[in-house]
C-alpha atoms as a PDB file:
ATOM      1  CA  MET A   1      15.842   1.540 -11.962  1.00  0.00           C
ATOM      2  CA  PRO A   2      14.423   2.646 -15.339  1.00  0.00           C
ATOM      3  CA  THR A   3      11.684   0.350 -16.960  1.00  0.00           C
ATOM      4  CA  LYS A   4      10.720  -0.204 -20.656  1.00  0.00           C
ATOM      5  CA  SER A   5       7.813   2.454 -20.092  1.00  0.00           C
ATOM      6  CA  GLY A   6      10.215   5.146 -19.145  1.00  0.00           C
ATOM      7  CA  LYS A   7       8.982   5.232 -15.574  1.00  0.00           C
ATOM      8  CA  LYS A   8      11.464   4.791 -12.804  1.00  0.00           C
ATOM      9  CA  MET A   9      11.692   3.412  -9.139  1.00  0.00           C
ATOM     10  CA  ILE A  10      13.075   6.328  -7.455  1.00  0.00           C
ATOM     11  CA  GLY A  11      15.218   5.989  -4.244  1.00  0.00           C
ATOM     12  CA  LYS A  12      18.802   5.634  -3.006  1.00  0.00           C
ATOM     13  CA  SER A  13      17.959   4.252   0.540  1.00  0.00           C
ATOM     14  CA  SER A  14      19.480   0.917   1.667  1.00  0.00           C
ATOM     15  CA  CYS A  15      16.226  -0.784   1.397  1.00  0.00           C
ATOM     16  CA  MET A  16      15.703   0.647  -2.228  1.00  0.00           C
ATOM     17  CA  GLN A  17      19.196  -0.602  -3.256  1.00  0.00           C
ATOM     18  CA  GLN A  18      18.231  -3.971  -1.922  1.00  0.00           C
ATOM     19  CA  LEU A  19      14.994  -3.963  -3.798  1.00  0.00           C
ATOM     20  CA  HIS A  20      16.765  -3.042  -6.961  1.00  0.00           C
ATOM     21  CA  TYR A  21      19.256  -5.878  -6.685  1.00  0.00           C
ATOM     22  CA  LEU A  22      16.355  -8.285  -6.006  1.00  0.00           C
ATOM     23  CA  LEU A  23      14.447  -7.215  -8.997  1.00  0.00           C
ATOM     24  CA  LYS A  24      17.536  -7.472 -11.144  1.00  0.00           C
ATOM     25  CA  ARG A  25      18.390 -11.101 -10.082  1.00  0.00           C
ATOM     26  CA  VAL A  26      14.762 -12.245 -10.582  1.00  0.00           C
ATOM     27  CA  ALA A  27      14.617 -10.583 -13.943  1.00  0.00           C
ATOM     28  CA  ILE A  28      17.409 -12.635 -15.328  1.00  0.00           C
ATOM     29  CA  SER A  29      16.359 -15.913 -13.719  1.00  0.00           C
ATOM     30  CA  ASP A  30      13.001 -15.915 -15.768  1.00  0.00           C
ATOM     31  CA  GLU A  31      11.260 -17.294 -12.729  1.00  0.00           C
ATOM     32  CA  ASP A  32       7.816 -16.274 -11.941  1.00  0.00           C
ATOM     33  CA  CYS A  33       7.464 -13.611  -9.106  1.00  0.00           C
ATOM     34  CA  LEU A  34       5.189 -12.420  -6.320  1.00  0.00           C
ATOM     35  CA  LEU A  35       5.393  -8.831  -5.359  1.00  0.00           C
ATOM     36  CA  LEU A  36       3.996  -7.976  -1.729  1.00  0.00           C
ATOM     37  CA  GLY A  37       3.545  -4.535  -0.359  1.00  0.00           C
ATOM     38  CA  LYS A  38       0.898  -1.889   0.818  1.00  0.00           C
ATOM     39  CA  THR A  39      -1.095   0.147  -1.749  1.00  0.00           C
ATOM     40  CA  GLY A  40       1.030   2.729  -3.280  1.00  0.00           C
ATOM     41  CA  THR A  41       4.430   1.093  -2.889  1.00  0.00           C
ATOM     42  CA  GLY A  42       4.844   0.713  -6.617  1.00  0.00           C
ATOM     43  CA  LYS A  43       4.178  -3.016  -7.306  1.00  0.00           C
ATOM     44  CA  GLU A  44       3.291  -2.378 -11.025  1.00  0.00           C
ATOM     45  CA  LEU A  45       6.457  -0.366 -11.503  1.00  0.00           C
ATOM     46  CA  ALA A  46       8.437  -3.224  -9.976  1.00  0.00           C
ATOM     47  CA  ALA A  47       6.812  -5.507 -12.577  1.00  0.00           C
ATOM     48  CA  HIS A  48       7.763  -3.186 -15.201  1.00  0.00           C
ATOM     49  CA  ALA A  49      11.288  -3.188 -13.953  1.00  0.00           C
ATOM     50  CA  ILE A  50      11.489  -7.134 -13.965  1.00  0.00           C
ATOM     51  CA  HIS A  51      10.173  -7.230 -17.567  1.00  0.00           C
ATOM     52  CA  SER A  52      12.632  -4.500 -18.750  1.00  0.00           C
ATOM     53  CA  GLU A  53      15.512  -6.206 -17.285  1.00  0.00           C
ATOM     54  CA  SER A  54      14.711  -9.719 -18.721  1.00  0.00           C
ATOM     55  CA  LEU A  55      15.325 -11.556 -21.936  1.00  0.00           C
ATOM     56  CA  ARG A  56      11.439 -10.990 -22.495  1.00  0.00           C
ATOM     57  CA  SER A  57      11.892  -7.169 -22.667  1.00  0.00           C
ATOM     58  CA  LYS A  58      11.153  -7.003 -26.544  1.00  0.00           C
ATOM     59  CA  SER A  59       7.863  -8.897 -25.976  1.00  0.00           C
ATOM     60  CA  PRO A  60       4.662  -7.746 -24.590  1.00  0.00           C
ATOM     61  CA  PHE A  61       4.104  -6.537 -21.039  1.00  0.00           C
ATOM     62  CA  VAL A  62       0.347  -7.217 -20.192  1.00  0.00           C
ATOM     63  CA  ALA A  63      -1.232  -5.981 -16.899  1.00  0.00           C
ATOM     64  CA  VAL A  64      -4.554  -7.166 -15.457  1.00  0.00           C
ATOM     65  CA  ASN A  65      -6.175  -5.667 -12.341  1.00  0.00           C
ATOM     66  CA  CYS A  66      -7.902  -8.953 -10.816  1.00  0.00           C
ATOM     67  CA  SER A  67     -10.135  -6.936  -8.535  1.00  0.00           C
ATOM     68  CA  ALA A  68     -11.499  -4.681 -11.122  1.00  0.00           C
ATOM     69  CA  LEU A  69     -13.635  -7.447 -12.856  1.00  0.00           C
ATOM     70  CA  SER A  70     -16.257  -9.925 -11.865  1.00  0.00           C
ATOM     71  CA  GLU A  71     -15.303 -13.619 -11.822  1.00  0.00           C
ATOM     72  CA  ASN A  72     -16.854 -14.274 -15.258  1.00  0.00           C
ATOM     73  CA  LEU A  73     -15.390 -11.227 -16.910  1.00  0.00           C
ATOM     74  CA  LEU A  74     -11.979 -11.962 -15.330  1.00  0.00           C
ATOM     75  CA  GLU A  75     -12.022 -15.497 -16.669  1.00  0.00           C
ATOM     76  CA  SER A  76     -12.784 -14.203 -20.256  1.00  0.00           C
ATOM     77  CA  GLU A  77     -10.170 -11.458 -19.865  1.00  0.00           C
ATOM     78  CA  LEU A  78      -7.458 -13.860 -18.766  1.00  0.00           C
ATOM     79  CA  PHE A  79      -8.093 -16.979 -20.859  1.00  0.00           C
ATOM     80  CA  GLY A  80     -10.404 -15.492 -23.777  1.00  0.00           C
ATOM     81  CA  HIS A  81     -13.455 -17.048 -25.039  1.00  0.00           C
ATOM     82  CA  THR A  82     -14.978 -18.721 -28.293  1.00  0.00           C
ATOM     83  CA  ARG A  83     -17.982 -17.399 -30.123  1.00  0.00           C
ATOM     84  CA  GLY A  84     -21.190 -18.352 -28.591  1.00  0.00           C
ATOM     85  CA  ALA A  85     -19.490 -19.423 -25.218  1.00  0.00           C
ATOM     86  CA  PHE A  86     -22.026 -17.110 -23.387  1.00  0.00           C
ATOM     87  CA  THR A  87     -24.700 -14.345 -24.204  1.00  0.00           C
ATOM     88  CA  GLY A  88     -22.925 -11.510 -25.879  1.00  0.00           C
ATOM     89  CA  ALA A  89     -19.766 -13.505 -26.925  1.00  0.00           C
ATOM     90  CA  VAL A  90     -20.324 -12.846 -30.788  1.00  0.00           C
ATOM     91  CA  LYS A  91     -16.832 -13.527 -31.688  1.00  0.00           C
ATOM     92  CA  ASP A  92     -13.712 -15.345 -30.471  1.00  0.00           C
ATOM     93  CA  LYS A  93     -11.674 -13.309 -28.190  1.00  0.00           C
ATOM     94  CA  VAL A  94      -7.977 -13.839 -27.298  1.00  0.00           C
ATOM     95  CA  GLY A  95      -7.173 -13.661 -23.571  1.00  0.00           C
ATOM     96  CA  ARG A  96      -4.383 -11.618 -21.807  1.00  0.00           C
ATOM     97  CA  PHE A  97      -2.340 -14.854 -21.419  1.00  0.00           C
ATOM     98  CA  GLU A  98      -2.129 -15.284 -25.181  1.00  0.00           C
ATOM     99  CA  LEU A  99      -1.607 -11.722 -25.754  1.00  0.00           C
ATOM    100  CA  ALA A 100       1.392 -11.910 -23.377  1.00  0.00           C
ATOM    101  CA  HIS A 101       2.901 -14.821 -25.205  1.00  0.00           C
ATOM    102  CA  LYS A 102       6.716 -14.672 -24.984  1.00  0.00           C
ATOM    103  CA  GLY A 103       6.500 -11.678 -22.665  1.00  0.00           C
ATOM    104  CA  THR A 104       5.286 -11.063 -19.079  1.00  0.00           C
ATOM    105  CA  ILE A 105       1.724 -10.883 -17.538  1.00  0.00           C
ATOM    106  CA  PHE A 106       1.177  -8.756 -14.492  1.00  0.00           C
ATOM    107  CA  LEU A 107      -1.644 -10.131 -12.312  1.00  0.00           C
ATOM    108  CA  ASP A 108      -2.183  -7.224  -9.899  1.00  0.00           C
ATOM    109  CA  GLU A 109      -4.593  -7.812  -6.868  1.00  0.00           C
ATOM    110  CA  ILE A 110      -4.267 -11.672  -7.070  1.00  0.00           C
ATOM    111  CA  GLY A 111      -5.580 -12.024  -3.614  1.00  0.00           C
ATOM    112  CA  GLU A 112      -8.905 -10.947  -4.920  1.00  0.00           C
ATOM    113  CA  VAL A 113      -9.510 -13.942  -7.371  1.00  0.00           C
ATOM    114  CA  SER A 114     -12.251 -16.396  -6.770  1.00  0.00           C
ATOM    115  CA  PRO A 115     -11.350 -20.111  -5.830  1.00  0.00           C
ATOM    116  CA  ARG A 116     -12.686 -21.137  -9.494  1.00  0.00           C
ATOM    117  CA  ILE A 117     -10.191 -18.922 -11.127  1.00  0.00           C
ATOM    118  CA  GLN A 118      -7.428 -19.754  -8.577  1.00  0.00           C
ATOM    119  CA  VAL A 119      -7.826 -23.453  -9.907  1.00  0.00           C
ATOM    120  CA  LYS A 120      -7.244 -22.356 -13.553  1.00  0.00           C
ATOM    121  CA  LEU A 121      -4.373 -20.133 -12.634  1.00  0.00           C
ATOM    122  CA  LEU A 122      -2.652 -23.241 -10.907  1.00  0.00           C
ATOM    123  CA  ARG A 123      -2.844 -25.126 -14.126  1.00  0.00           C
ATOM    124  CA  VAL A 124      -1.392 -22.020 -16.097  1.00  0.00           C
ATOM    125  CA  LEU A 125       1.500 -21.959 -13.377  1.00  0.00           C
ATOM    126  CA  GLN A 126       2.206 -25.699 -13.613  1.00  0.00           C
ATOM    127  CA  GLU A 127       1.481 -26.754 -17.126  1.00  0.00           C
ATOM    128  CA  ARG A 128       1.734 -23.250 -19.167  1.00  0.00           C
ATOM    129  CA  GLN A 129      -1.553 -24.168 -20.698  1.00  0.00           C
ATOM    130  CA  ILE A 130      -4.838 -22.309 -21.040  1.00  0.00           C
ATOM    131  CA  GLU A 131      -8.242 -23.031 -22.094  1.00  0.00           C
ATOM    132  CA  ARG A 132     -10.553 -20.551 -23.642  1.00  0.00           C
ATOM    133  CA  VAL A 133     -13.985 -20.211 -22.215  1.00  0.00           C
ATOM    134  CA  GLY A 134     -16.299 -22.469 -24.296  1.00  0.00           C
ATOM    135  CA  GLU A 135     -13.474 -24.457 -25.814  1.00  0.00           C
ATOM    136  CA  ALA A 136     -12.188 -27.855 -24.807  1.00  0.00           C
ATOM    137  CA  ARG A 137      -8.788 -27.361 -26.582  1.00  0.00           C
ATOM    138  CA  LEU A 138      -5.510 -26.584 -24.551  1.00  0.00           C
ATOM    139  CA  ARG A 139      -3.335 -24.005 -25.915  1.00  0.00           C
ATOM    140  CA  ASP A 140       0.410 -23.699 -24.839  1.00  0.00           C
ATOM    141  CA  ILE A 141       1.742 -20.407 -23.798  1.00  0.00           C
ATOM    142  CA  ASP A 142       5.178 -19.066 -22.934  1.00  0.00           C
ATOM    143  CA  VAL A 143       4.776 -16.282 -20.304  1.00  0.00           C
ATOM    144  CA  ARG A 144       6.356 -15.141 -17.393  1.00  0.00           C
ATOM    145  CA  ILE A 145       3.939 -14.390 -14.433  1.00  0.00           C
ATOM    146  CA  VAL A 146       4.433 -11.549 -11.845  1.00  0.00           C
ATOM    147  CA  ALA A 147       1.643 -11.456  -9.392  1.00  0.00           C
ATOM    148  CA  ALA A 148       1.176  -8.753  -6.727  1.00  0.00           C
ATOM    149  CA  THR A 149      -1.022  -8.195  -3.572  1.00  0.00           C
ATOM    150  CA  ASN A 150      -1.401  -6.029  -0.709  1.00  0.00           C
ATOM    151  CA  ARG A 151      -3.022  -8.621   1.310  1.00  0.00           C
ATOM    152  CA  ASN A 152      -1.672 -11.240   3.606  1.00  0.00           C
ATOM    153  CA  LEU A 153      -1.945 -14.417   1.428  1.00  0.00           C
ATOM    154  CA  TYR A 154      -0.620 -16.650   4.203  1.00  0.00           C
ATOM    155  CA  LYS A 155      -3.316 -15.650   6.471  1.00  0.00           C
ATOM    156  CA  MET A 156      -5.802 -16.036   3.753  1.00  0.00           C
ATOM    157  CA  VAL A 157      -4.549 -19.698   3.212  1.00  0.00           C
ATOM    158  CA  GLN A 158      -4.948 -20.280   6.799  1.00  0.00           C
ATOM    159  CA  GLU A 159      -8.719 -18.994   6.702  1.00  0.00           C
ATOM    160  CA  GLY A 160      -9.474 -21.066   3.626  1.00  0.00           C
ATOM    161  CA  LYS A 161      -9.704 -18.036   1.345  1.00  0.00           C
ATOM    162  CA  PHE A 162      -6.787 -18.712  -0.958  1.00  0.00           C
ATOM    163  CA  ARG A 163      -5.397 -22.097  -2.303  1.00  0.00           C
ATOM    164  CA  GLU A 164      -2.494 -23.358  -0.371  1.00  0.00           C
ATOM    165  CA  ASP A 165      -0.911 -25.007  -3.599  1.00  0.00           C
ATOM    166  CA  LEU A 166      -1.416 -21.852  -5.543  1.00  0.00           C
ATOM    167  CA  TYR A 167       0.262 -19.722  -2.698  1.00  0.00           C
ATOM    168  CA  TYR A 168       3.349 -21.875  -2.599  1.00  0.00           C
ATOM    169  CA  ARG A 169       3.613 -21.978  -6.341  1.00  0.00           C
ATOM    170  CA  LEU A 170       3.504 -18.151  -6.612  1.00  0.00           C
ATOM    171  CA  LYS A 171       5.726 -17.810  -3.664  1.00  0.00           C
ATOM    172  CA  VAL A 172       8.739 -19.482  -5.351  1.00  0.00           C
ATOM    173  CA  PHE A 173      10.412 -15.938  -5.427  1.00  0.00           C
ATOM    174  CA  SER A 174       8.706 -13.360  -3.488  1.00  0.00           C
ATOM    175  CA  ILE A 175       9.678  -9.677  -2.859  1.00  0.00           C
ATOM    176  CA  THR A 176       8.246  -7.279  -0.295  1.00  0.00           C
ATOM    177  CA  LEU A 177       8.317  -3.545  -1.412  1.00  0.00           C
ATOM    178  CA  PRO A 178       9.099  -1.147   1.458  1.00  0.00           C
ATOM    179  CA  SER A 179       6.563   1.232   2.588  1.00  0.00           C
ATOM    180  CA  LEU A 180       7.466   5.103   2.341  1.00  0.00           C
ATOM    181  CA  VAL A 181       7.855   5.463   6.191  1.00  0.00           C
ATOM    182  CA  GLU A 182      10.716   2.683   5.846  1.00  0.00           C
ATOM    183  CA  ARG A 183      12.548   4.855   3.432  1.00  0.00           C
ATOM    184  CA  ARG A 184      11.893   8.465   4.625  1.00  0.00           C
ATOM    185  CA  GLN A 185      15.313   9.600   3.319  1.00  0.00           C
ATOM    186  CA  ASP A 186      13.936   9.085  -0.170  1.00  0.00           C
ATOM    187  CA  ILE A 187      11.285  11.577   0.161  1.00  0.00           C
ATOM    188  CA  PRO A 188      13.325  14.697  -0.669  1.00  0.00           C
ATOM    189  CA  ILE A 189      14.427  12.612  -3.936  1.00  0.00           C
ATOM    190  CA  LEU A 190      10.986  11.771  -4.628  1.00  0.00           C
ATOM    191  CA  VAL A 191       9.669  15.347  -4.219  1.00  0.00           C
ATOM    192  CA  GLU A 192      12.173  16.741  -6.615  1.00  0.00           C
ATOM    193  CA  HIS A 193      11.196  13.945  -9.156  1.00  0.00           C
ATOM    194  CA  PHE A 194       7.515  14.814  -9.002  1.00  0.00           C
ATOM    195  CA  LEU A 195       8.265  18.605  -9.103  1.00  0.00           C
ATOM    196  CA  ASN A 196      10.234  18.022 -12.321  1.00  0.00           C
ATOM    197  CA  LYS A 197       7.490  15.791 -13.652  1.00  0.00           C
ATOM    198  CA  TYR A 198       4.663  18.061 -13.302  1.00  0.00           C
ATOM    199  CA  GLN A 199       6.250  21.564 -13.344  1.00  0.00           C
ATOM    200  CA  LYS A 200       6.564  21.270 -16.994  1.00  0.00           C
ATOM    201  CA  ALA A 201       2.855  21.753 -17.378  1.00  0.00           C
ATOM    202  CA  ASN A 202       3.162  24.873 -15.224  1.00  0.00           C
ATOM    203  CA  GLN A 203       5.860  26.372 -17.274  1.00  0.00           C
ATOM    204  CA  LYS A 204       7.894  27.355 -14.275  1.00  0.00           C
ATOM    205  CA  LYS A 205      10.635  26.001 -12.151  1.00  0.00           C
ATOM    206  CA  MET A 206       9.330  24.963  -8.683  1.00  0.00           C
ATOM    207  CA  LYS A 207      10.896  24.185  -5.348  1.00  0.00           C
ATOM    208  CA  ILE A 208       9.660  23.209  -2.045  1.00  0.00           C
ATOM    209  CA  SER A 209      10.398  25.190   1.259  1.00  0.00           C
ATOM    210  CA  SER A 210      12.095  23.649   4.134  1.00  0.00           C
ATOM    211  CA  THR A 211       9.113  23.816   6.440  1.00  0.00           C
ATOM    212  CA  ALA A 212       6.974  22.227   3.998  1.00  0.00           C
ATOM    213  CA  LEU A 213       9.510  19.333   3.299  1.00  0.00           C
ATOM    214  CA  LYS A 214       9.819  18.875   7.145  1.00  0.00           C
ATOM    215  CA  VAL A 215       5.935  18.280   7.080  1.00  0.00           C
ATOM    216  CA  LEU A 216       6.159  15.779   4.431  1.00  0.00           C
ATOM    217  CA  LEU A 217       9.183  13.944   6.265  1.00  0.00           C
ATOM    218  CA  GLU A 218       7.016  13.659   9.418  1.00  0.00           C
ATOM    219  CA  HIS A 219       3.947  12.452   7.888  1.00  0.00           C
ATOM    220  CA  ASN A 220       2.977   8.679   8.163  1.00  0.00           C
ATOM    221  CA  TRP A 221       2.099   8.231   4.401  1.00  0.00           C
ATOM    222  CA  PRO A 222      -0.595   5.505   4.678  1.00  0.00           C
ATOM    223  CA  GLY A 223      -0.911   5.872   0.791  1.00  0.00           C
ATOM    224  CA  ASN A 224       2.729   5.601   0.239  1.00  0.00           C
ATOM    225  CA  VAL A 225       4.411   7.106  -2.869  1.00  0.00           C
ATOM    226  CA  ARG A 226       1.142   7.443  -4.598  1.00  0.00           C
ATOM    227  CA  GLU A 227      -0.072   9.575  -1.786  1.00  0.00           C
ATOM    228  CA  LEU A 228       3.176  11.696  -1.939  1.00  0.00           C
ATOM    229  CA  GLU A 229       2.746  12.271  -5.643  1.00  0.00           C
ATOM    230  CA  ASN A 230      -0.674  13.257  -5.270  1.00  0.00           C
ATOM    231  CA  ALA A 231       0.146  15.728  -2.627  1.00  0.00           C
ATOM    232  CA  ILE A 232       2.929  17.371  -4.686  1.00  0.00           C
ATOM    233  CA  ARG A 233       0.217  17.685  -7.474  1.00  0.00           C
ATOM    234  CA  TYR A 234      -2.251  19.285  -5.140  1.00  0.00           C
ATOM    235  CA  ALA A 235       0.283  21.769  -3.901  1.00  0.00           C
ATOM    236  CA  LEU A 236       1.376  22.813  -7.356  1.00  0.00           C
ATOM    237  CA  VAL A 237      -2.338  23.762  -7.953  1.00  0.00           C
ATOM    238  CA  LEU A 238      -2.376  25.799  -4.881  1.00  0.00           C
ATOM    239  CA  CYS A 239       0.975  27.354  -5.022  1.00  0.00           C
ATOM    240  CA  GLN A 240       0.959  31.051  -5.832  1.00  0.00           C
ATOM    241  CA  ASP A 241       4.598  31.448  -6.268  1.00  0.00           C
ATOM    242  CA  GLN A 242       7.475  29.289  -7.340  1.00  0.00           C
ATOM    243  CA  THR A 243       8.050  27.849  -3.911  1.00  0.00           C
ATOM    244  CA  ILE A 244       5.646  25.209  -2.303  1.00  0.00           C
ATOM    245  CA  LEU A 245       4.811  26.262   1.398  1.00  0.00           C
ATOM    246  CA  SER A 246       3.262  24.152   3.909  1.00  0.00           C
ATOM    247  CA  ARG A 247       0.135  25.800   3.518  1.00  0.00           C
ATOM    248  CA  ASP A 248      -0.157  24.427   0.068  1.00  0.00           C
ATOM    249  CA  LEU A 249      -0.216  20.923   1.144  1.00  0.00           C
ATOM    250  CA  PRO A 250      -3.358  18.905   1.490  1.00  0.00           C
ATOM    251  CA  VAL A 251      -5.113  19.283   5.013  1.00  0.00           C
ATOM    252  CA  GLU A 252      -5.000  15.720   5.842  1.00  0.00           C
ATOM    253  CA  ILE A 253      -1.228  16.127   5.687  1.00  0.00           C
ATOM    254  CA  LEU A 254      -1.147  19.326   7.732  1.00  0.00           C
ATOM    255  CA  GLU A 255      -3.685  18.050  10.209  1.00  0.00           C
ATOM    256  CA  PRO A 256      -3.317  14.195  10.695  1.00  0.00           C
ATOM    257  CA  PRO A 257      -6.563  12.697  12.096  1.00  0.00           C
ATOM    258  CA  LYS A 258      -6.677  12.398  15.869  1.00  0.00           C
ATOM    259  CA  PRO A 259      -6.736   9.020  17.458  1.00  0.00           C
ATOM    260  CA  GLU A 260     -10.223   7.603  17.961  1.00  0.00           C
ATOM    261  CA  ILE A 261     -11.455   8.317  21.645  1.00  0.00           C
ATOM    262  CA  PRO A 262     -12.380   5.078  23.448  1.00  0.00           C
ATOM    263  CA  SER A 263     -16.070   4.746  24.624  1.00  0.00           C
ATOM    264  CA  PHE A 264     -15.093   5.033  28.169  1.00  0.00           C
ATOM    265  CA  CYS A 265     -13.548   8.420  27.605  1.00  0.00           C
ATOM    266  CA  LEU A 266     -17.318   9.409  26.480  1.00  0.00           C
ATOM    267  CA  LYS A 267     -19.250   8.090  29.415  1.00  0.00           C
ATOM    268  CA  PRO A 268     -20.001  10.811  32.199  1.00  0.00           C
ATOM    269  CA  LYS A 269     -19.425   8.387  34.898  1.00  0.00           C
ATOM    270  CA  LEU A 270     -16.124   7.093  33.438  1.00  0.00           C
ATOM    271  CA  ARG A 271     -14.819  10.341  32.159  1.00  0.00           C
ATOM    272  CA  SER A 272     -12.148  10.406  34.908  1.00  0.00           C
ATOM    273  CA  LYS A 273      -8.992   8.269  35.742  1.00  0.00           C
ATOM    274  CA  GLU A 274      -8.898   5.996  32.747  1.00  0.00           C
ATOM    275  CA  SER A 275      -9.705   8.837  30.233  1.00  0.00           C
ATOM    276  CA  LEU A 276      -6.871  10.903  31.803  1.00  0.00           C
ATOM    277  CA  ILE A 277      -4.364   7.993  31.480  1.00  0.00           C
ATOM    278  CA  TRP A 278      -5.370   7.298  27.944  1.00  0.00           C
ATOM    279  CA  ALA A 279      -5.060  10.902  26.869  1.00  0.00           C
ATOM    280  CA  LEU A 280      -1.618  11.317  28.429  1.00  0.00           C
ATOM    281  CA  GLN A 281      -0.514   8.117  26.791  1.00  0.00           C
ATOM    282  CA  GLN A 282      -1.654   9.240  23.515  1.00  0.00           C
ATOM    283  CA  THR A 283       0.144  12.550  23.844  1.00  0.00           C
ATOM    284  CA  GLY A 284       3.344  11.226  25.421  1.00  0.00           C
ATOM    285  CA  GLY A 285       2.515  13.081  28.786  1.00  0.00           C
ATOM    286  CA  ASN A 286       1.922  16.522  27.152  1.00  0.00           C
ATOM    287  CA  ARG A 287      -0.878  18.010  29.432  1.00  0.00           C
ATOM    288  CA  LYS A 288      -1.762  20.647  27.001  1.00  0.00           C
ATOM    289  CA  GLU A 289      -2.346  18.183  24.050  1.00  0.00           C
ATOM    290  CA  ALA A 290      -4.142  15.688  26.501  1.00  0.00           C
ATOM    291  CA  ALA A 291      -6.576  18.335  27.587  1.00  0.00           C
ATOM    292  CA  GLN A 292      -7.290  19.361  24.122  1.00  0.00           C
ATOM    293  CA  LEU A 293      -7.820  15.746  23.271  1.00  0.00           C
ATOM    294  CA  LEU A 294     -10.380  15.318  26.030  1.00  0.00           C
ATOM    295  CA  GLY A 295     -12.099  18.713  25.277  1.00  0.00           C
ATOM    296  CA  ILE A 296     -11.314  20.200  28.630  1.00  0.00           C
ATOM    297  CA  SER A 297      -9.029  22.948  29.947  1.00  0.00           C
ATOM    298  CA  ARG A 298      -5.646  22.492  31.111  1.00  0.00           C
ATOM    299  CA  VAL A 299      -6.837  23.630  34.869  1.00  0.00           C
ATOM    300  CA  THR A 300      -9.600  20.904  34.795  1.00  0.00           C
ATOM    301  CA  LEU A 301      -6.878  18.294  33.556  1.00  0.00           C
ATOM    302  CA  TRP A 302      -4.482  19.260  36.337  1.00  0.00           C
ATOM    303  CA  LYS A 303      -7.290  19.233  39.050  1.00  0.00           C
ATOM    304  CA  ARG A 304      -8.462  15.720  37.859  1.00  0.00           C
ATOM    305  CA  MET A 305      -4.824  14.551  37.884  1.00  0.00           C
ATOM    306  CA  LYS A 306      -4.189  15.732  41.416  1.00  0.00           C
ATOM    307  CA  HIS A 307      -7.541  14.218  42.417  1.00  0.00           C
ATOM    308  CA  TYR A 308      -6.529  10.852  41.134  1.00  0.00           C
ATOM    309  CA  ASP A 309      -2.939  11.175  42.338  1.00  0.00           C
ATOM    310  CA  LEU A 310      -1.586  11.105  38.875  1.00  0.00           C
ATOM    311  CA  LEU A 311       0.795  14.129  39.200  1.00  0.00           C
ATOM    312  CA  SER A 312       3.305  12.334  41.273  1.00  0.00           C
ATOM    313  CA  ARG A 313       2.874   8.910  39.608  1.00  0.00           C
ATOM    314  CA  LYS A 314       3.232  10.722  36.123  1.00  0.00           C
ATOM    315  CA  LYS A 315       6.827  11.699  37.020  1.00  0.00           C
ATOM    316  CA  SER A 316       7.620   8.157  38.632  1.00  0.00           C
ATOM    317  CA  SER A 317       9.595   5.694  36.451  1.00  0.00           C
ATOM    318  CA  THR A 318       6.998   3.095  37.389  1.00  0.00           C
ATOM    319  CA  PHE A 319       4.117   4.876  35.731  1.00  0.00           C
ATOM    320  CA  ARG A 320       2.833   2.785  32.919  1.00  0.00           C
ATOM    321  CA  PRO A 321      -0.215   4.416  31.290  1.00  0.00           C
ATOM    322  CA  GLU A 322      -1.006   1.398  29.048  1.00  0.00           C
ATOM    323  CA  LYS A 323      -1.081  -0.854  32.021  1.00  0.00           C
ATOM    324  CA  GLU A 324      -3.135   1.465  33.952  1.00  0.00           C
ATOM    325  CA  VAL A 325      -5.704   1.838  31.143  1.00  0.00           C
ATOM    326  CA  ALA A 326      -5.830  -2.053  30.547  1.00  0.00           C
ATOM    327  CA  SER A 327      -6.438  -2.690  34.436  1.00  0.00           C
ATOM    328  CA  LEU A 328      -9.107   0.108  34.596  1.00  0.00           C
ATOM    329  CA  VAL A 329     -11.020  -1.098  31.596  1.00  0.00           C
ATOM    330  CA  ARG A 330     -11.159  -4.638  32.992  1.00  0.00           C
ATOM    331  CA  GLU A 331     -12.479  -3.158  36.329  1.00  0.00           C
ATOM    332  CA  THR A 332     -15.044  -1.229  34.497  1.00  0.00           C
ATOM    333  CA  VAL A 333     -16.152  -4.292  32.435  1.00  0.00           C
ATOM    334  CA  ALA A 334     -16.367  -6.449  35.457  1.00  0.00           C
END
């Protein structure tokens, strides 16, 4: 789905097709919208897509990162201020809401705004009016508001950290952007897109090996599409030929972090039955990997498993590592 800026939301998976459909529907409705999703899923691209498909596409698209500014600076940035409103206000300033008049304003990281700013945003959503800092006059504005967050706003409402009325006003129409692991089938398409995007600077046609692509397909992608894009850029720097190999990928993708070892596995007296069960659980019963995880040899692992009668129980259908660990930890604490 191309945007006015020329950037596109890449993907042909079923969840991306559904996303494109929702973005088009909300775009022509002129309703405000709340975009939800993890970091790196493309919330600003989605906001651009909404703007580009709407009747407001020829008017300004104004983006504000609400987490990047302090409360006072954010208030001035959003609503503007008058000369002398505070120290350093040497002239009148037009705020982002006024700059976005007739267009779209994108409020990124809406979950980070303070309670005082939340009150002012609620007025904008309800009345479509703003008040510059240091001025008593209300100014009418005509904007569509697209807000975004990677936080759980509903939980924040329950904890008293986000206004309930503002939450439900924003949530008239909400869209959750899928994480990259939910649409792994789009990874080859995205890789090709990023190769085409960045190989122009390298002046050579680049491709990726099947082994390297397999590594990318199996990665968990905590940083989502942004992490994938950065990984391709990194690989293009290291690549010595016209084909990206697995060795060219970032080390955190080649060697994912090992699970944190529980404290009971580190205590000498308890480095026994529960630690064995935990390690076997983490490795799906692979003894070689379990031994490496615990920092012992396979022979030592086998001897300890035999001592605690885990060899036969491991083969039994009733062997449940997670239950064993939970009960052993309770016994240890007691």
